[in-house]
Amino acid sequence: MNEQQDKPTTICAWCDEVLENGGPDVSHGICTACAEQFIQQLDLACPTRQRHALPIAS
């Protein structure tokens, strides 16, 4: 089994975009576009919430 098949395929839990190809196992994350949209919606729903910078994976 090669290194890529050792890790799961990661897909966005919101839009199903493949974030990282891997083996047959699947894990979920969030893509940059969906994360930005979620933060905008959160800002509208909770205008007084404290904002923190999000780490962006390269």
N, C-alpha and C. Protein backbone atom coordinates (compact mmCIF):
# COMPACT_ATOMS: atom_id res chain seq x y z
N MET A 1 0.86 -1.19 0.00
CA MET A 1 0.00 0.00 0.00
C MET A 1 0.89 1.24 0.00
N ASN A 2 0.57 2.20 -0.87
CA ASN A 2 1.41 3.40 -0.92
C ASN A 2 0.96 4.42 0.12
N GLU A 3 1.78 5.47 0.29
CA GLU A 3 1.54 6.48 1.33
C GLU A 3 0.18 7.16 1.16
N GLN A 4 -0.23 7.43 -0.08
CA GLN A 4 -1.49 8.12 -0.33
C GLN A 4 -2.68 7.27 0.11
N GLN A 5 -2.60 5.97 -0.05
CA GLN A 5 -3.69 5.09 0.34
C GLN A 5 -3.74 4.88 1.85
N ASP A 6 -2.66 5.21 2.57
CA ASP A 6 -2.63 5.07 4.02
C ASP A 6 -3.48 6.13 4.71
N LYS A 7 -3.68 7.26 4.07
CA LYS A 7 -4.47 8.34 4.67
C LYS A 7 -5.85 8.37 4.02
N PRO A 8 -6.86 8.87 4.74
CA PRO A 8 -8.21 8.90 4.16
C PRO A 8 -8.37 10.01 3.13
N THR A 9 -9.35 9.87 2.27
CA THR A 9 -9.75 10.94 1.36
C THR A 9 -10.53 11.95 2.20
N THR A 10 -10.17 13.22 2.10
CA THR A 10 -10.85 14.27 2.87
C THR A 10 -11.76 15.06 1.95
N ILE A 11 -13.04 15.19 2.34
CA ILE A 11 -14.00 15.95 1.57
C ILE A 11 -14.65 17.02 2.44
N CYS A 12 -15.11 18.10 1.82
CA CYS A 12 -15.80 19.16 2.54
C CYS A 12 -17.17 18.64 2.97
N ALA A 13 -17.48 18.79 4.23
CA ALA A 13 -18.75 18.32 4.77
C ALA A 13 -19.94 19.17 4.30
N TRP A 14 -19.66 20.36 3.75
CA TRP A 14 -20.72 21.24 3.30
C TRP A 14 -21.02 21.07 1.81
N CYS A 15 -19.97 21.06 0.98
CA CYS A 15 -20.20 21.05 -0.47
C CYS A 15 -19.70 19.78 -1.17
N ASP A 16 -19.10 18.87 -0.43
CA ASP A 16 -18.58 17.60 -0.96
C ASP A 16 -17.38 17.73 -1.89
N GLU A 17 -16.72 18.89 -1.93
CA GLU A 17 -15.50 19.04 -2.73
C GLU A 17 -14.41 18.15 -2.12
N VAL A 18 -13.65 17.47 -2.96
CA VAL A 18 -12.53 16.66 -2.48
C VAL A 18 -11.40 17.60 -2.10
N LEU A 19 -10.99 17.56 -0.84
CA LEU A 19 -9.93 18.43 -0.36
C LEU A 19 -8.57 17.76 -0.47
N GLU A 20 -8.55 16.45 -0.29
CA GLU A 20 -7.29 15.71 -0.39
C GLU A 20 -7.61 14.27 -0.75
N ASN A 21 -7.01 13.80 -1.83
CA ASN A 21 -7.20 12.41 -2.24
C ASN A 21 -6.40 11.49 -1.34
N GLY A 22 -6.98 10.35 -1.04
CA GLY A 22 -6.31 9.35 -0.23
C GLY A 22 -6.85 7.99 -0.57
N GLY A 23 -6.92 7.14 0.41
CA GLY A 23 -7.41 5.79 0.22
C GLY A 23 -8.93 5.74 0.24
N PRO A 24 -9.49 4.54 0.43
CA PRO A 24 -10.94 4.38 0.38
C PRO A 24 -11.67 4.94 1.61
N ASP A 25 -10.97 5.11 2.73
CA ASP A 25 -11.61 5.70 3.90
C ASP A 25 -11.83 7.18 3.66
N VAL A 26 -12.90 7.73 4.26
CA VAL A 26 -13.26 9.13 4.04
C VAL A 26 -13.29 9.87 5.38
N SER A 27 -12.76 11.07 5.36
CA SER A 27 -12.83 11.98 6.49
C SER A 27 -13.44 13.28 5.99
N HIS A 28 -13.98 14.09 6.88
CA HIS A 28 -14.62 15.33 6.48
C HIS A 28 -13.89 16.53 7.08
N GLY A 29 -13.90 17.61 6.33
CA GLY A 29 -13.33 18.88 6.76
C GLY A 29 -14.21 19.97 6.19
N ILE A 30 -13.63 21.15 6.02
CA ILE A 30 -14.35 22.26 5.41
C ILE A 30 -13.41 22.99 4.46
N CYS A 31 -13.89 23.28 3.25
CA CYS A 31 -13.07 23.98 2.27
C CYS A 31 -13.04 25.47 2.61
N THR A 32 -12.10 26.18 2.01
CA THR A 32 -11.93 27.61 2.29
C THR A 32 -13.20 28.41 1.95
N ALA A 33 -13.82 28.12 0.81
CA ALA A 33 -15.02 28.87 0.41
C ALA A 33 -16.16 28.66 1.41
N CYS A 34 -16.37 27.43 1.84
CA CYS A 34 -17.44 27.15 2.80
C CYS A 34 -17.12 27.73 4.18
N ALA A 35 -15.84 27.71 4.56
CA ALA A 35 -15.44 28.30 5.84
C ALA A 35 -15.70 29.81 5.84
N GLU A 36 -15.36 30.47 4.74
CA GLU A 36 -15.60 31.91 4.65
C GLU A 36 -17.09 32.23 4.70
N GLN A 37 -17.90 31.43 3.99
CA GLN A 37 -19.34 31.64 4.01
C GLN A 37 -19.91 31.39 5.41
N PHE A 38 -19.42 30.36 6.08
CA PHE A 38 -19.89 30.06 7.44
C PHE A 38 -19.56 31.21 8.38
N ILE A 39 -18.34 31.75 8.29
CA ILE A 39 -17.94 32.86 9.16
C ILE A 39 -18.81 34.09 8.90
N GLN A 40 -19.12 34.37 7.63
CA GLN A 40 -19.99 35.50 7.30
C GLN A 40 -21.38 35.30 7.92
N GLN A 41 -21.92 34.10 7.82
CA GLN A 41 -23.23 33.82 8.41
C GLN A 41 -23.18 33.92 9.93
N LEU A 42 -22.07 33.46 10.52
CA LEU A 42 -21.91 33.55 11.97
C LEU A 42 -21.84 35.00 12.41
N ASP A 43 -21.12 35.83 11.63
CA ASP A 43 -21.04 37.26 11.95
C ASP A 43 -22.42 37.91 11.91
N LEU A 44 -23.27 37.52 10.96
CA LEU A 44 -24.62 38.07 10.88
C LEU A 44 -25.48 37.60 12.05
N ALA A 45 -25.33 36.35 12.43
CA ALA A 45 -26.14 35.78 13.51
C ALA A 45 -25.70 36.26 14.89
N CYS A 46 -24.40 36.51 15.05
CA CYS A 46 -23.83 36.89 16.35
C CYS A 46 -22.93 38.10 16.17
N PRO A 47 -23.50 39.27 15.95
CA PRO A 47 -22.68 40.45 15.62
C PRO A 47 -21.73 40.88 16.74
N THR A 48 -21.96 40.49 17.97
CA THR A 48 -21.09 40.90 19.07
C THR A 48 -20.06 39.85 19.45
N ARG A 49 -19.99 38.76 18.69
CA ARG A 49 -19.04 37.70 19.04
C ARG A 49 -17.61 38.19 18.83
N GLN A 50 -16.70 37.62 19.60
CA GLN A 50 -15.29 37.96 19.48
C GLN A 50 -14.72 37.26 18.26
N ARG A 51 -14.01 37.98 17.43
CA ARG A 51 -13.46 37.41 16.19
C ARG A 51 -12.00 37.03 16.37
N HIS A 52 -11.64 35.88 15.84
CA HIS A 52 -10.27 35.38 15.89
C HIS A 52 -9.82 35.05 14.49
N ALA A 53 -8.56 35.23 14.21
CA ALA A 53 -8.02 34.84 12.91
C ALA A 53 -8.05 33.33 12.77
N LEU A 54 -8.47 32.85 11.60
CA LEU A 54 -8.50 31.42 11.34
C LEU A 54 -7.19 30.98 10.71
N PRO A 55 -6.65 29.85 11.16
CA PRO A 55 -5.45 29.35 10.49
C PRO A 55 -5.83 28.81 9.12
N ILE A 56 -5.08 29.18 8.10
CA ILE A 56 -5.36 28.74 6.74
C ILE A 56 -4.24 27.77 6.35
N ALA A 57 -4.65 26.56 6.00
CA ALA A 57 -3.67 25.54 5.56
C ALA A 57 -3.17 25.90 4.17
N SER A 58 -1.89 25.70 3.94
CA SER A 58 -1.35 25.98 2.61
C SER A 58 -1.25 24.75 1.77
